Amino acid sequence: SYSPQAILGAELIFKAVKNLELAAITKYVSKQYLDLTQNESRKLDA
């Protein structure tokens, strides 16, 4: 339980202007089961 099989992340950082930083951060987490029975009705969706 609470063990996603995939966690993916990406960060884009822009510093085109002096002293200014822009960043976009994306995170993906695959589905997780809420208990040890691996029942599809008791899970966290991706």
PDB file of all heavy atoms in Angstrom:
ATOM      1  N   SER A   1       0.830  -1.197   0.000  1.00  0.00           N
ATOM      2  CA  SER A   1       0.000   0.000   0.000  1.00  0.00           C
ATOM      3  C   SER A   1       0.874   1.260   0.000  1.00  0.00           C
ATOM      4  O   SER A   1       2.000   1.261   0.492  1.00  0.00           O
ATOM      5  CB  SER A   1      -0.920   0.005   1.225  1.00  0.00           C
ATOM      6  OG  SER A   1      -0.176  -0.188   2.410  1.00  0.00           O
ATOM      7  N   TYR A   2       0.332   2.314  -0.587  1.00  0.00           N
ATOM      8  CA  TYR A   2       1.012   3.617  -0.692  1.00  0.00           C
ATOM      9  C   TYR A   2       2.365   3.497  -1.402  1.00  0.00           C
ATOM     10  O   TYR A   2       3.331   4.164  -1.030  1.00  0.00           O
ATOM     11  CB  TYR A   2       1.209   4.255   0.687  1.00  0.00           C
ATOM     12  CG  TYR A   2      -0.067   4.388   1.474  1.00  0.00           C
ATOM     13  CD1 TYR A   2      -0.364   3.502   2.507  1.00  0.00           C
ATOM     14  CD2 TYR A   2      -0.983   5.381   1.174  1.00  0.00           C
ATOM     15  CE1 TYR A   2      -1.537   3.615   3.234  1.00  0.00           C
ATOM     16  CE2 TYR A   2      -2.162   5.501   1.893  1.00  0.00           C
ATOM     17  CZ  TYR A   2      -2.441   4.623   2.921  1.00  0.00           C
ATOM     18  OH  TYR A   2      -3.606   4.740   3.624  1.00  0.00           O
ATOM     19  N   SER A   3       2.441   2.647  -2.394  1.00  0.00           N
ATOM     20  CA  SER A   3       3.700   2.425  -3.113  1.00  0.00           C
ATOM     21  C   SER A   3       3.477   2.565  -4.619  1.00  0.00           C
ATOM     22  O   SER A   3       3.259   1.574  -5.323  1.00  0.00           O
ATOM     23  CB  SER A   3       4.276   1.043  -2.788  1.00  0.00           C
ATOM     24  OG  SER A   3       4.593   0.925  -1.422  1.00  0.00           O
ATOM     25  N   PRO A   4       3.512   3.789  -5.145  1.00  0.00           N
ATOM     26  CA  PRO A   4       3.362   3.962  -6.591  1.00  0.00           C
ATOM     27  C   PRO A   4       4.529   3.326  -7.335  1.00  0.00           C
ATOM     28  O   PRO A   4       5.668   3.348  -6.861  1.00  0.00           O
ATOM     29  CB  PRO A   4       3.352   5.479  -6.770  1.00  0.00           C
ATOM     30  CG  PRO A   4       4.093   6.004  -5.581  1.00  0.00           C
ATOM     31  CD  PRO A   4       3.769   5.060  -4.454  1.00  0.00           C
ATOM     32  N   GLN A   5       4.255   2.763  -8.489  1.00  0.00           N
ATOM     33  CA  GLN A   5       5.314   2.123  -9.261  1.00  0.00           C
ATOM     34  C   GLN A   5       6.123   3.121 -10.079  1.00  0.00           C
ATOM     35  O   GLN A   5       7.186   2.767 -10.588  1.00  0.00           O
ATOM     36  CB  GLN A   5       4.711   1.044 -10.167  1.00  0.00           C
ATOM     37  CG  GLN A   5       4.127  -0.124  -9.388  1.00  0.00           C
ATOM     38  CD  GLN A   5       3.672  -1.259 -10.286  1.00  0.00           C
ATOM     39  OE1 GLN A   5       3.338  -1.055 -11.445  1.00  0.00           O
ATOM     40  NE2 GLN A   5       3.653  -2.472  -9.751  1.00  0.00           N
ATOM     41  N   ALA A   6       5.620   4.329 -10.209  1.00  0.00           N
ATOM     42  CA  ALA A   6       6.368   5.341 -10.963  1.00  0.00           C
ATOM     43  C   ALA A   6       6.114   6.727 -10.383  1.00  0.00           C
ATOM     44  O   ALA A   6       4.965   7.093 -10.114  1.00  0.00           O
ATOM     45  CB  ALA A   6       5.979   5.319 -12.437  1.00  0.00           C
ATOM     46  N   ILE A   7       7.189   7.458 -10.168  1.00  0.00           N
ATOM     47  CA  ILE A   7       7.124   8.874  -9.803  1.00  0.00           C
ATOM     48  C   ILE A   7       8.062   9.610 -10.753  1.00  0.00           C
ATOM     49  O   ILE A   7       9.260   9.317 -10.803  1.00  0.00           O
ATOM     50  CB  ILE A   7       7.549   9.122  -8.345  1.00  0.00           C
ATOM     51  CG1 ILE A   7       6.655   8.340  -7.377  1.00  0.00           C
ATOM     52  CG2 ILE A   7       7.503  10.612  -8.018  1.00  0.00           C
ATOM     53  CD1 ILE A   7       7.100   8.461  -5.924  1.00  0.00           C
ATOM     54  N   LEU A   8       7.507  10.537 -11.528  1.00  0.00           N
ATOM     55  CA  LEU A   8       8.284  11.258 -12.528  1.00  0.00           C
ATOM     56  C   LEU A   8       8.180  12.754 -12.262  1.00  0.00           C
ATOM     57  O   LEU A   8       7.121  13.251 -11.856  1.00  0.00           O
ATOM     58  CB  LEU A   8       7.778  10.956 -13.939  1.00  0.00           C
ATOM     59  CG  LEU A   8       7.585   9.484 -14.312  1.00  0.00           C
ATOM     60  CD1 LEU A   8       6.982   9.372 -15.702  1.00  0.00           C
ATOM     61  CD2 LEU A   8       8.903   8.723 -14.225  1.00  0.00           C
ATOM     62  N   GLY A   9       9.273  13.458 -12.478  1.00  0.00           N
ATOM     63  CA  GLY A   9       9.259  14.894 -12.274  1.00  0.00           C
ATOM     64  C   GLY A   9      10.116  15.612 -13.300  1.00  0.00           C
ATOM     65  O   GLY A   9      11.097  15.057 -13.808  1.00  0.00           O
ATOM     66  N   ALA A  10       9.743  16.835 -13.603  1.00  0.00           N
ATOM     67  CA  ALA A  10      10.519  17.656 -14.533  1.00  0.00           C
ATOM     68  C   ALA A  10      10.440  19.104 -14.102  1.00  0.00           C
ATOM     69  O   ALA A  10       9.417  19.553 -13.563  1.00  0.00           O
ATOM     70  CB  ALA A  10      10.012  17.501 -15.961  1.00  0.00           C
ATOM     71  N   GLU A  11      11.521  19.830 -14.306  1.00  0.00           N
ATOM     72  CA  GLU A  11      11.568  21.245 -13.941  1.00  0.00           C
ATOM     73  C   GLU A  11      12.260  22.026 -15.059  1.00  0.00           C
ATOM     74  O   GLU A  11      13.366  21.681 -15.482  1.00  0.00           O
ATOM     75  CB  GLU A  11      12.319  21.435 -12.620  1.00  0.00           C
ATOM     76  CG  GLU A  11      12.344  22.865 -12.126  1.00  0.00           C
ATOM     77  CD  GLU A  11      12.967  22.994 -10.748  1.00  0.00           C
ATOM     78  OE1 GLU A  11      13.489  21.982 -10.223  1.00  0.00           O
ATOM     79  OE2 GLU A  11      12.939  24.103 -10.186  1.00  0.00           O
ATOM     80  N   LEU A  12      11.595  23.064 -15.553  1.00  0.00           N
ATOM     81  CA  LEU A  12      12.149  23.957 -16.557  1.00  0.00           C
ATOM     82  C   LEU A  12      12.434  25.296 -15.881  1.00  0.00           C
ATOM     83  O   LEU A  12      11.526  25.902 -15.288  1.00  0.00           O
ATOM     84  CB  LEU A  12      11.174  24.155 -17.715  1.00  0.00           C
ATOM     85  CG  LEU A  12      10.655  22.890 -18.405  1.00  0.00           C
ATOM     86  CD1 LEU A  12       9.642  23.258 -19.476  1.00  0.00           C
ATOM     87  CD2 LEU A  12      11.805  22.087 -18.998  1.00  0.00           C
ATOM     88  N   ILE A  13      13.672  25.760 -15.967  1.00  0.00           N
ATOM     89  CA  ILE A  13      14.080  26.990 -15.285  1.00  0.00           C
ATOM     90  C   ILE A  13      14.572  28.003 -16.318  1.00  0.00           C
ATOM     91  O   ILE A  13      15.464  27.700 -17.122  1.00  0.00           O
ATOM     92  CB  ILE A  13      15.189  26.702 -14.250  1.00  0.00           C
ATOM     93  CG1 ILE A  13      14.721  25.634 -13.253  1.00  0.00           C
ATOM     94  CG2 ILE A  13      15.592  27.973 -13.512  1.00  0.00           C
ATOM     95  CD1 ILE A  13      15.807  25.141 -12.340  1.00  0.00           C
ATOM     96  N   PHE A  14      13.996  29.186 -16.296  1.00  0.00           N
ATOM     97  CA  PHE A  14      14.357  30.242 -17.234  1.00  0.00           C
ATOM     98  C   PHE A  14      14.957  31.421 -16.472  1.00  0.00           C
ATOM     99  O   PHE A  14      14.390  31.889 -15.481  1.00  0.00           O
ATOM    100  CB  PHE A  14      13.130  30.713 -18.015  1.00  0.00           C
ATOM    101  CG  PHE A  14      12.442  29.624 -18.789  1.00  0.00           C
ATOM    102  CD1 PHE A  14      11.447  28.861 -18.196  1.00  0.00           C
ATOM    103  CD2 PHE A  14      12.791  29.355 -20.104  1.00  0.00           C
ATOM    104  CE1 PHE A  14      10.804  27.859 -18.899  1.00  0.00           C
ATOM    105  CE2 PHE A  14      12.158  28.347 -20.820  1.00  0.00           C
ATOM    106  CZ  PHE A  14      11.164  27.599 -20.212  1.00  0.00           C
ATOM    107  N   LYS A  15      16.101  31.911 -16.931  1.00  0.00           N
ATOM    108  CA  LYS A  15      16.768  33.055 -16.321  1.00  0.00           C
ATOM    109  C   LYS A  15      17.179  34.043 -17.418  1.00  0.00           C
ATOM    110  O   LYS A  15      18.331  34.445 -17.502  1.00  0.00           O
ATOM    111  CB  LYS A  15      17.996  32.600 -15.532  1.00  0.00           C
ATOM    112  CG  LYS A  15      17.677  31.686 -14.353  1.00  0.00           C
ATOM    113  CD  LYS A  15      18.934  31.286 -13.607  1.00  0.00           C
ATOM    114  CE  LYS A  15      18.621  30.390 -12.427  1.00  0.00           C
ATOM    115  NZ  LYS A  15      19.855  29.965 -11.684  1.00  0.00           N
ATOM    116  N   ALA A  16      16.211  34.439 -18.250  1.00  0.00           N
ATOM    117  CA  ALA A  16      16.500  35.322 -19.379  1.00  0.00           C
ATOM    118  C   ALA A  16      16.709  36.760 -18.943  1.00  0.00           C
ATOM    119  O   ALA A  16      17.328  37.555 -19.657  1.00  0.00           O
ATOM    120  CB  ALA A  16      15.365  35.253 -20.400  1.00  0.00           C
ATOM    121  N   VAL A  17      16.182  37.132 -17.771  1.00  0.00           N
ATOM    122  CA  VAL A  17      16.327  38.490 -17.242  1.00  0.00           C
ATOM    123  C   VAL A  17      17.173  38.428 -15.981  1.00  0.00           C
ATOM    124  O   VAL A  17      17.006  37.537 -15.147  1.00  0.00           O
ATOM    125  CB  VAL A  17      14.950  39.105 -16.934  1.00  0.00           C
ATOM    126  CG1 VAL A  17      15.111  40.509 -16.345  1.00  0.00           C
ATOM    127  CG2 VAL A  17      14.091  39.147 -18.187  1.00  0.00           C
ATOM    128  N   LYS A  18      18.084  39.355 -15.830  1.00  0.00           N
ATOM    129  CA  LYS A  18      18.987  39.370 -14.690  1.00  0.00           C
ATOM    130  C   LYS A  18      18.206  39.391 -13.378  1.00  0.00           C
ATOM    131  O   LYS A  18      17.252  40.163 -13.218  1.00  0.00           O
ATOM    132  CB  LYS A  18      19.909  40.588 -14.773  1.00  0.00           C
ATOM    133  CG  LYS A  18      20.951  40.643 -13.672  1.00  0.00           C
ATOM    134  CD  LYS A  18      21.845  41.859 -13.832  1.00  0.00           C
ATOM    135  CE  LYS A  18      22.895  41.914 -12.714  1.00  0.00           C
ATOM    136  NZ  LYS A  18      23.775  43.113 -12.851  1.00  0.00           N
ATOM    137  N   ASN A  19      18.614  38.507 -12.462  1.00  0.00           N
ATOM    138  CA  ASN A  19      18.044  38.401 -11.111  1.00  0.00           C
ATOM    139  C   ASN A  19      16.624  37.832 -11.089  1.00  0.00           C
ATOM    140  O   ASN A  19      16.024  37.726 -10.025  1.00  0.00           O
ATOM    141  CB  ASN A  19      18.049  39.744 -10.383  1.00  0.00           C
ATOM    142  CG  ASN A  19      19.445  40.308 -10.205  1.00  0.00           C
ATOM    143  OD1 ASN A  19      20.434  39.581 -10.254  1.00  0.00           O
ATOM    144  ND2 ASN A  19      19.537  41.613 -10.009  1.00  0.00           N
ATOM    145  N   LEU A  20      16.073  37.505 -12.253  1.00  0.00           N
ATOM    146  CA  LEU A  20      14.720  36.973 -12.314  1.00  0.00           C
ATOM    147  C   LEU A  20      14.762  35.509 -12.737  1.00  0.00           C
ATOM    148  O   LEU A  20      15.434  35.148 -13.697  1.00  0.00           O
ATOM    149  CB  LEU A  20      13.875  37.764 -13.313  1.00  0.00           C
ATOM    150  CG  LEU A  20      12.426  37.279 -13.518  1.00  0.00           C
ATOM    151  CD1 LEU A  20      11.612  37.494 -12.256  1.00  0.00           C
ATOM    152  CD2 LEU A  20      11.789  37.999 -14.703  1.00  0.00           C
ATOM    153  N   GLU A  21      14.032  34.661 -12.000  1.00  0.00           N
ATOM    154  CA  GLU A  21      13.976  33.232 -12.319  1.00  0.00           C
ATOM    155  C   GLU A  21      12.532  32.797 -12.456  1.00  0.00           C
ATOM    156  O   GLU A  21      11.700  33.056 -11.580  1.00  0.00           O
ATOM    157  CB  GLU A  21      14.654  32.411 -11.225  1.00  0.00           C
ATOM    158  CG  GLU A  21      14.606  30.906 -11.464  1.00  0.00           C
ATOM    159  CD  GLU A  21      15.218  30.115 -10.328  1.00  0.00           C
ATOM    160  OE1 GLU A  21      16.458  30.014 -10.279  1.00  0.00           O
ATOM    161  OE2 GLU A  21      14.449  29.615  -9.471  1.00  0.00           O
ATOM    162  N   LEU A  22      12.235  32.124 -13.548  1.00  0.00           N
ATOM    163  CA  LEU A  22      10.927  31.538 -13.784  1.00  0.00           C
ATOM    164  C   LEU A  22      11.094  30.027 -13.876  1.00  0.00           C
ATOM    165  O   LEU A  22      12.018  29.540 -14.526  1.00  0.00           O
ATOM    166  CB  LEU A  22      10.306  32.071 -15.077  1.00  0.00           C
ATOM    167  CG  LEU A  22      10.135  33.592 -15.209  1.00  0.00           C
ATOM    168  CD1 LEU A  22       9.602  33.935 -16.579  1.00  0.00           C
ATOM    169  CD2 LEU A  22       9.211  34.120 -14.133  1.00  0.00           C
ATOM    170  N   ALA A  23      10.196  29.299 -13.241  1.00  0.00           N
ATOM    171  CA  ALA A  23      10.313  27.843 -13.261  1.00  0.00           C
ATOM    172  C   ALA A  23       8.938  27.199 -13.349  1.00  0.00           C
ATOM    173  O   ALA A  23       7.971  27.669 -12.738  1.00  0.00           O
ATOM    174  CB  ALA A  23      11.049  27.342 -12.020  1.00  0.00           C
ATOM    175  N   ALA A  24       8.860  26.126 -14.124  1.00  0.00           N
ATOM    176  CA  ALA A  24       7.658  25.303 -14.210  1.00  0.00           C
ATOM    177  C   ALA A  24       8.022  23.902 -13.736  1.00  0.00           C
ATOM    178  O   ALA A  24       9.007  23.317 -14.198  1.00  0.00           O
ATOM    179  CB  ALA A  24       7.123  25.263 -15.643  1.00  0.00           C
ATOM    180  N   ILE A  25       7.259  23.385 -12.776  1.00  0.00           N
ATOM    181  CA  ILE A  25       7.569  22.093 -12.159  1.00  0.00           C
ATOM    182  C   ILE A  25       6.372  21.157 -12.322  1.00  0.00           C
ATOM    183  O   ILE A  25       5.252  21.506 -11.925  1.00  0.00           O
ATOM    184  CB  ILE A  25       7.903  22.252 -10.660  1.00  0.00           C
ATOM    185  CG1 ILE A  25       9.013  23.289 -10.467  1.00  0.00           C
ATOM    186  CG2 ILE A  25       8.300  20.925 -10.052  1.00  0.00           C
ATOM    187  CD1 ILE A  25       8.532  24.613  -9.956  1.00  0.00           C
ATOM    188  N   THR A  26       6.602  20.005 -12.912  1.00  0.00           N
ATOM    189  CA  THR A  26       5.538  19.019 -13.119  1.00  0.00           C
ATOM    190  C   THR A  26       5.902  17.706 -12.432  1.00  0.00           C
ATOM    191  O   THR A  26       7.062  17.275 -12.475  1.00  0.00           O
ATOM    192  CB  THR A  26       5.308  18.765 -14.625  1.00  0.00           C
ATOM    193  OG1 THR A  26       4.824  19.959 -15.226  1.00  0.00           O
ATOM    194  CG2 THR A  26       4.273  17.666 -14.840  1.00  0.00           C
ATOM    195  N   LYS A  27       4.908  17.090 -11.808  1.00  0.00           N
ATOM    196  CA  LYS A  27       5.125  15.819 -11.113  1.00  0.00           C
ATOM    197  C   LYS A  27       4.003  14.848 -11.476  1.00  0.00           C
ATOM    198  O   LYS A  27       2.822  15.219 -11.489  1.00  0.00           O
ATOM    199  CB  LYS A  27       5.146  16.037  -9.595  1.00  0.00           C
ATOM    200  CG  LYS A  27       5.374  14.776  -8.781  1.00  0.00           C
ATOM    201  CD  LYS A  27       5.388  15.084  -7.290  1.00  0.00           C
ATOM    202  CE  LYS A  27       5.648  13.843  -6.457  1.00  0.00           C
ATOM    203  NZ  LYS A  27       5.643  14.153  -4.997  1.00  0.00           N
ATOM    204  N   TYR A  28       4.399  13.611 -11.778  1.00  0.00           N
ATOM    205  CA  TYR A  28       3.437  12.551 -12.065  1.00  0.00           C
ATOM    206  C   TYR A  28       3.629  11.422 -11.057  1.00  0.00           C
ATOM    207  O   TYR A  28       4.763  11.005 -10.777  1.00  0.00           O
ATOM    208  CB  TYR A  28       3.638  11.998 -13.477  1.00  0.00           C
ATOM    209  CG  TYR A  28       2.892  10.698 -13.722  1.00  0.00           C
ATOM    210  CD1 TYR A  28       1.547  10.692 -14.049  1.00  0.00           C
ATOM    211  CD2 TYR A  28       3.556   9.472 -13.600  1.00  0.00           C
ATOM    212  CE1 TYR A  28       0.862   9.509 -14.260  1.00  0.00           C
ATOM    213  CE2 TYR A  28       2.883   8.274 -13.813  1.00  0.00           C
ATOM    214  CZ  TYR A  28       1.539   8.294 -14.142  1.00  0.00           C
ATOM    215  OH  TYR A  28       0.865   7.111 -14.333  1.00  0.00           O
ATOM    216  N   VAL A  29       2.530  10.929 -10.502  1.00  0.00           N
ATOM    217  CA  VAL A  29       2.563   9.802  -9.565  1.00  0.00           C
ATOM    218  C   VAL A  29       1.567   8.761 -10.052  1.00  0.00           C
ATOM    219  O   VAL A  29       0.392   9.071 -10.278  1.00  0.00           O
ATOM    220  CB  VAL A  29       2.204  10.249  -8.132  1.00  0.00           C
ATOM    221  CG1 VAL A  29       2.229   9.056  -7.173  1.00  0.00           C
ATOM    222  CG2 VAL A  29       3.156  11.340  -7.646  1.00  0.00           C
ATOM    223  N   SER A  30       2.025   7.533 -10.229  1.00  0.00           N
ATOM    224  CA  SER A  30       1.137   6.469 -10.712  1.00  0.00           C
ATOM    225  C   SER A  30       0.186   6.027  -9.591  1.00  0.00           C
ATOM    226  O   SER A  30       0.300   6.460  -8.443  1.00  0.00           O
ATOM    227  CB  SER A  30       1.959   5.285 -11.210  1.00  0.00           C
ATOM    228  OG  SER A  30       2.685   4.691 -10.146  1.00  0.00           O
ATOM    229  N   LYS A  31      -0.734   5.154  -9.923  1.00  0.00           N
ATOM    230  CA  LYS A  31      -1.759   4.745  -8.961  1.00  0.00           C
ATOM    231  C   LYS A  31      -1.136   4.043  -7.748  1.00  0.00           C
ATOM    232  O   LYS A  31      -0.057   3.441  -7.829  1.00  0.00           O
ATOM    233  CB  LYS A  31      -2.778   3.832  -9.627  1.00  0.00           C
ATOM    234  CG  LYS A  31      -2.256   2.437  -9.952  1.00  0.00           C
ATOM    235  CD  LYS A  31      -3.360   1.568 -10.540  1.00  0.00           C
ATOM    236  CE  LYS A  31      -2.857   0.160 -10.851  1.00  0.00           C
ATOM    237  NZ  LYS A  31      -3.897  -0.697 -11.432  1.00  0.00           N
ATOM    238  N   GLN A  32      -1.845   4.146  -6.623  1.00  0.00           N
ATOM    239  CA  GLN A  32      -1.416   3.508  -5.379  1.00  0.00           C
ATOM    240  C   GLN A  32      -2.622   2.816  -4.752  1.00  0.00           C
ATOM    241  O   GLN A  32      -3.742   3.327  -4.822  1.00  0.00           O
ATOM    242  CB  GLN A  32      -0.882   4.545  -4.391  1.00  0.00           C
ATOM    243  CG  GLN A  32       0.204   5.444  -4.933  1.00  0.00           C
ATOM    244  CD  GLN A  32       0.459   6.619  -4.009  1.00  0.00           C
ATOM    245  OE1 GLN A  32       0.857   6.458  -2.850  1.00  0.00           O
ATOM    246  NE2 GLN A  32       0.227   7.821  -4.507  1.00  0.00           N
ATOM    247  N   TYR A  33      -2.373   1.690  -4.127  1.00  0.00           N
ATOM    248  CA  TYR A  33      -3.449   0.995  -3.435  1.00  0.00           C
ATOM    249  C   TYR A  33      -3.504   1.444  -1.979  1.00  0.00           C
ATOM    250  O   TYR A  33      -2.474   1.687  -1.344  1.00  0.00           O
ATOM    251  CB  TYR A  33      -3.261  -0.511  -3.526  1.00  0.00           C
ATOM    252  CG  TYR A  33      -3.446  -1.038  -4.935  1.00  0.00           C
ATOM    253  CD1 TYR A  33      -2.342  -1.361  -5.723  1.00  0.00           C
ATOM    254  CD2 TYR A  33      -4.715  -1.191  -5.477  1.00  0.00           C
ATOM    255  CE1 TYR A  33      -2.509  -1.822  -7.023  1.00  0.00           C
ATOM    256  CE2 TYR A  33      -4.893  -1.655  -6.770  1.00  0.00           C
ATOM    257  CZ  TYR A  33      -3.784  -1.960  -7.529  1.00  0.00           C
ATOM    258  OH  TYR A  33      -3.952  -2.408  -8.812  1.00  0.00           O
ATOM    259  N   LEU A  34      -4.724   1.532  -1.451  1.00  0.00           N
ATOM    260  CA  LEU A  34      -4.915   2.004  -0.080  1.00  0.00           C
ATOM    261  C   LEU A  34      -4.778   0.885   0.949  1.00  0.00           C
ATOM    262  O   LEU A  34      -4.703   1.165   2.145  1.00  0.00           O
ATOM    263  CB  LEU A  34      -6.290   2.666   0.069  1.00  0.00           C
ATOM    264  CG  LEU A  34      -6.439   4.029  -0.620  1.00  0.00           C
ATOM    265  CD1 LEU A  34      -7.870   4.526  -0.460  1.00  0.00           C
ATOM    266  CD2 LEU A  34      -5.458   5.033  -0.042  1.00  0.00           C
ATOM    267  N   ASP A  35      -4.781  -0.363   0.510  1.00  0.00           N
ATOM    268  CA  ASP A  35      -4.547  -1.453   1.447  1.00  0.00           C
ATOM    269  C   ASP A  35      -3.757  -2.543   0.748  1.00  0.00           C
ATOM    270  O   ASP A  35      -3.308  -2.378  -0.393  1.00  0.00           O
ATOM    271  CB  ASP A  35      -5.858  -1.980   2.049  1.00  0.00           C
ATOM    272  CG  ASP A  35      -6.787  -2.595   1.008  1.00  0.00           C
ATOM    273  OD1 ASP A  35      -6.341  -2.863  -0.129  1.00  0.00           O
ATOM    274  OD2 ASP A  35      -7.970  -2.826   1.334  1.00  0.00           O
ATOM    275  N   LEU A  36      -3.588  -3.665   1.409  1.00  0.00           N
ATOM    276  CA  LEU A  36      -2.725  -4.722   0.894  1.00  0.00           C
ATOM    277  C   LEU A  36      -3.459  -5.747   0.039  1.00  0.00           C
ATOM    278  O   LEU A  36      -2.876  -6.751  -0.351  1.00  0.00           O
ATOM    279  CB  LEU A  36      -2.039  -5.436   2.072  1.00  0.00           C
ATOM    280  CG  LEU A  36      -1.063  -4.575   2.880  1.00  0.00           C
ATOM    281  CD1 LEU A  36      -0.619  -5.328   4.132  1.00  0.00           C
ATOM    282  CD2 LEU A  36       0.136  -4.189   2.036  1.00  0.00           C
ATOM    283  N   THR A  37      -4.738  -5.499  -0.277  1.00  0.00           N
ATOM    284  CA  THR A  37      -5.491  -6.476  -1.050  1.00  0.00           C
ATOM    285  C   THR A  37      -5.388  -6.217  -2.558  1.00  0.00           C
ATOM    286  O   THR A  37      -5.851  -7.026  -3.351  1.00  0.00           O
ATOM    287  CB  THR A  37      -6.979  -6.460  -0.665  1.00  0.00           C
ATOM    288  OG1 THR A  37      -7.544  -5.188  -1.007  1.00  0.00           O
ATOM    289  CG2 THR A  37      -7.147  -6.716   0.826  1.00  0.00           C
ATOM    290  N   GLN A  38      -4.810  -5.085  -2.951  1.00  0.00           N
ATOM    291  CA  GLN A  38      -4.671  -4.699  -4.356  1.00  0.00           C
ATOM    292  C   GLN A  38      -6.044  -4.686  -5.040  1.00  0.00           C
ATOM    293  O   GLN A  38      -6.188  -5.074  -6.199  1.00  0.00           O
ATOM    294  CB  GLN A  38      -3.705  -5.630  -5.088  1.00  0.00           C
ATOM    295  CG  GLN A  38      -3.117  -5.040  -6.373  1.00  0.00           C
ATOM    296  CD  GLN A  38      -1.906  -5.799  -6.861  1.00  0.00           C
ATOM    297  OE1 GLN A  38      -0.956  -6.022  -6.122  1.00  0.00           O
ATOM    298  NE2 GLN A  38      -1.922  -6.198  -8.120  1.00  0.00           N
ATOM    299  N   ASN A  39      -7.028  -4.193  -4.318  1.00  0.00           N
ATOM    300  CA  ASN A  39      -8.389  -4.095  -4.832  1.00  0.00           C
ATOM    301  C   ASN A  39      -8.545  -2.775  -5.578  1.00  0.00           C
ATOM    302  O   ASN A  39      -8.225  -1.708  -5.045  1.00  0.00           O
ATOM    303  CB  ASN A  39      -9.385  -4.180  -3.668  1.00  0.00           C
ATOM    304  CG  ASN A  39     -10.811  -4.338  -4.138  1.00  0.00           C
ATOM    305  OD1 ASN A  39     -11.283  -3.600  -4.997  1.00  0.00           O
ATOM    306  ND2 ASN A  39     -11.512  -5.303  -3.558  1.00  0.00           N
ATOM    307  N   GLU A  40      -9.037  -2.834  -6.832  1.00  0.00           N
ATOM    308  CA  GLU A  40      -9.156  -1.637  -7.659  1.00  0.00           C
ATOM    309  C   GLU A  40     -10.155  -0.626  -7.101  1.00  0.00           C
ATOM    310  O   GLU A  40     -10.127   0.548  -7.471  1.00  0.00           O
ATOM    311  CB  GLU A  40      -9.556  -2.018  -9.083  1.00  0.00           C
ATOM    312  CG  GLU A  40      -8.471  -2.762  -9.854  1.00  0.00           C
ATOM    313  CD  GLU A  40      -7.262  -1.875 -10.130  1.00  0.00           C
ATOM    314  OE1 GLU A  40      -7.453  -0.693 -10.468  1.00  0.00           O
ATOM    315  OE2 GLU A  40      -6.126  -2.374 -10.005  1.00  0.00           O
ATOM    316  N   SER A  41     -11.046  -1.058  -6.230  1.00  0.00           N
ATOM    317  CA  SER A  41     -12.015  -0.132  -5.645  1.00  0.00           C
ATOM    318  C   SER A  41     -11.441   0.626  -4.455  1.00  0.00           C
ATOM    319  O   SER A  41     -12.093   1.533  -3.933  1.00  0.00           O
ATOM    320  CB  SER A  41     -13.276  -0.894  -5.212  1.00  0.00           C
ATOM    321  OG  SER A  41     -12.984  -1.764  -4.123  1.00  0.00           O
ATOM    322  N   ARG A  42     -10.231   0.263  -4.035  1.00  0.00           N
ATOM    323  CA  ARG A  42      -9.592   0.947  -2.911  1.00  0.00           C
ATOM    324  C   ARG A  42      -8.189   1.378  -3.338  1.00  0.00           C
ATOM    325  O   ARG A  42      -7.193   0.748  -2.990  1.00  0.00           O
ATOM    326  CB  ARG A  42      -9.534   0.029  -1.682  1.00  0.00           C
ATOM    327  CG  ARG A  42     -10.900  -0.349  -1.159  1.00  0.00           C
ATOM    328  CD  ARG A  42     -10.836  -1.052   0.179  1.00  0.00           C
ATOM    329  NE  ARG A  42     -10.296  -2.391   0.094  1.00  0.00           N
ATOM    330  CZ  ARG A  42     -11.017  -3.477  -0.184  1.00  0.00           C
ATOM    331  NH1 ARG A  42     -12.309  -3.368  -0.448  1.00  0.00           N
ATOM    332  NH2 ARG A  42     -10.460  -4.670  -0.230  1.00  0.00           N
ATOM    333  N   LYS A  43      -8.147   2.435  -4.117  1.00  0.00           N
ATOM    334  CA  LYS A  43      -6.866   2.901  -4.634  1.00  0.00           C
ATOM    335  C   LYS A  43      -6.889   4.407  -4.823  1.00  0.00           C
ATOM    336  O   LYS A  43      -7.953   5.046  -4.853  1.00  0.00           O
ATOM    337  CB  LYS A  43      -6.536   2.223  -5.967  1.00  0.00           C
ATOM    338  CG  LYS A  43      -7.430   2.677  -7.105  1.00  0.00           C
ATOM    339  CD  LYS A  43      -7.021   2.060  -8.434  1.00  0.00           C
ATOM    340  CE  LYS A  43      -7.924   2.577  -9.566  1.00  0.00           C
ATOM    341  NZ  LYS A  43      -7.539   2.021 -10.872  1.00  0.00           N
ATOM    342  N   LEU A  44      -5.701   4.986  -4.948  1.00  0.00           N
ATOM    343  CA  LEU A  44      -5.531   6.370  -5.352  1.00  0.00           C
ATOM    344  C   LEU A  44      -5.209   6.374  -6.835  1.00  0.00           C
ATOM    345  O   LEU A  44      -4.253   5.720  -7.260  1.00  0.00           O
ATOM    346  CB  LEU A  44      -4.385   7.028  -4.566  1.00  0.00           C
ATOM    347  CG  LEU A  44      -4.591   7.194  -3.060  1.00  0.00           C
ATOM    348  CD1 LEU A  44      -3.271   7.579  -2.401  1.00  0.00           C
ATOM    349  CD2 LEU A  44      -5.648   8.242  -2.772  1.00  0.00           C
ATOM    350  N   ASP A  45      -5.982   7.094  -7.611  1.00  0.00           N
ATOM    351  CA  ASP A  45      -5.727   7.150  -9.048  1.00  0.00           C
ATOM    352  C   ASP A  45      -4.430   7.903  -9.324  1.00  0.00           C
ATOM    353  O   ASP A  45      -3.986   8.750  -8.536  1.00  0.00           O
ATOM    354  CB  ASP A  45      -6.878   7.851  -9.767  1.00  0.00           C
ATOM    355  CG  ASP A  45      -8.143   7.016  -9.787  1.00  0.00           C
ATOM    356  OD1 ASP A  45      -8.025   5.773  -9.829  1.00  0.00           O
ATOM    357  OD2 ASP A  45      -9.240   7.594  -9.740  1.00  0.00           O
ATOM    358  N   ALA A  46      -3.821   7.593 -10.464  1.00  0.00           N
ATOM    359  CA  ALA A  46      -2.633   8.338 -10.891  1.00  0.00           C
ATOM    360  C   ALA A  46      -2.997   9.806 -11.089  1.00  0.00           C
ATOM    361  O   ALA A  46      -4.132  10.138 -11.430  1.00  0.00           O
ATOM    362  CB  ALA A  46      -2.094   7.740 -12.188  1.00  0.00           C
TER     363      ALA A  46
END
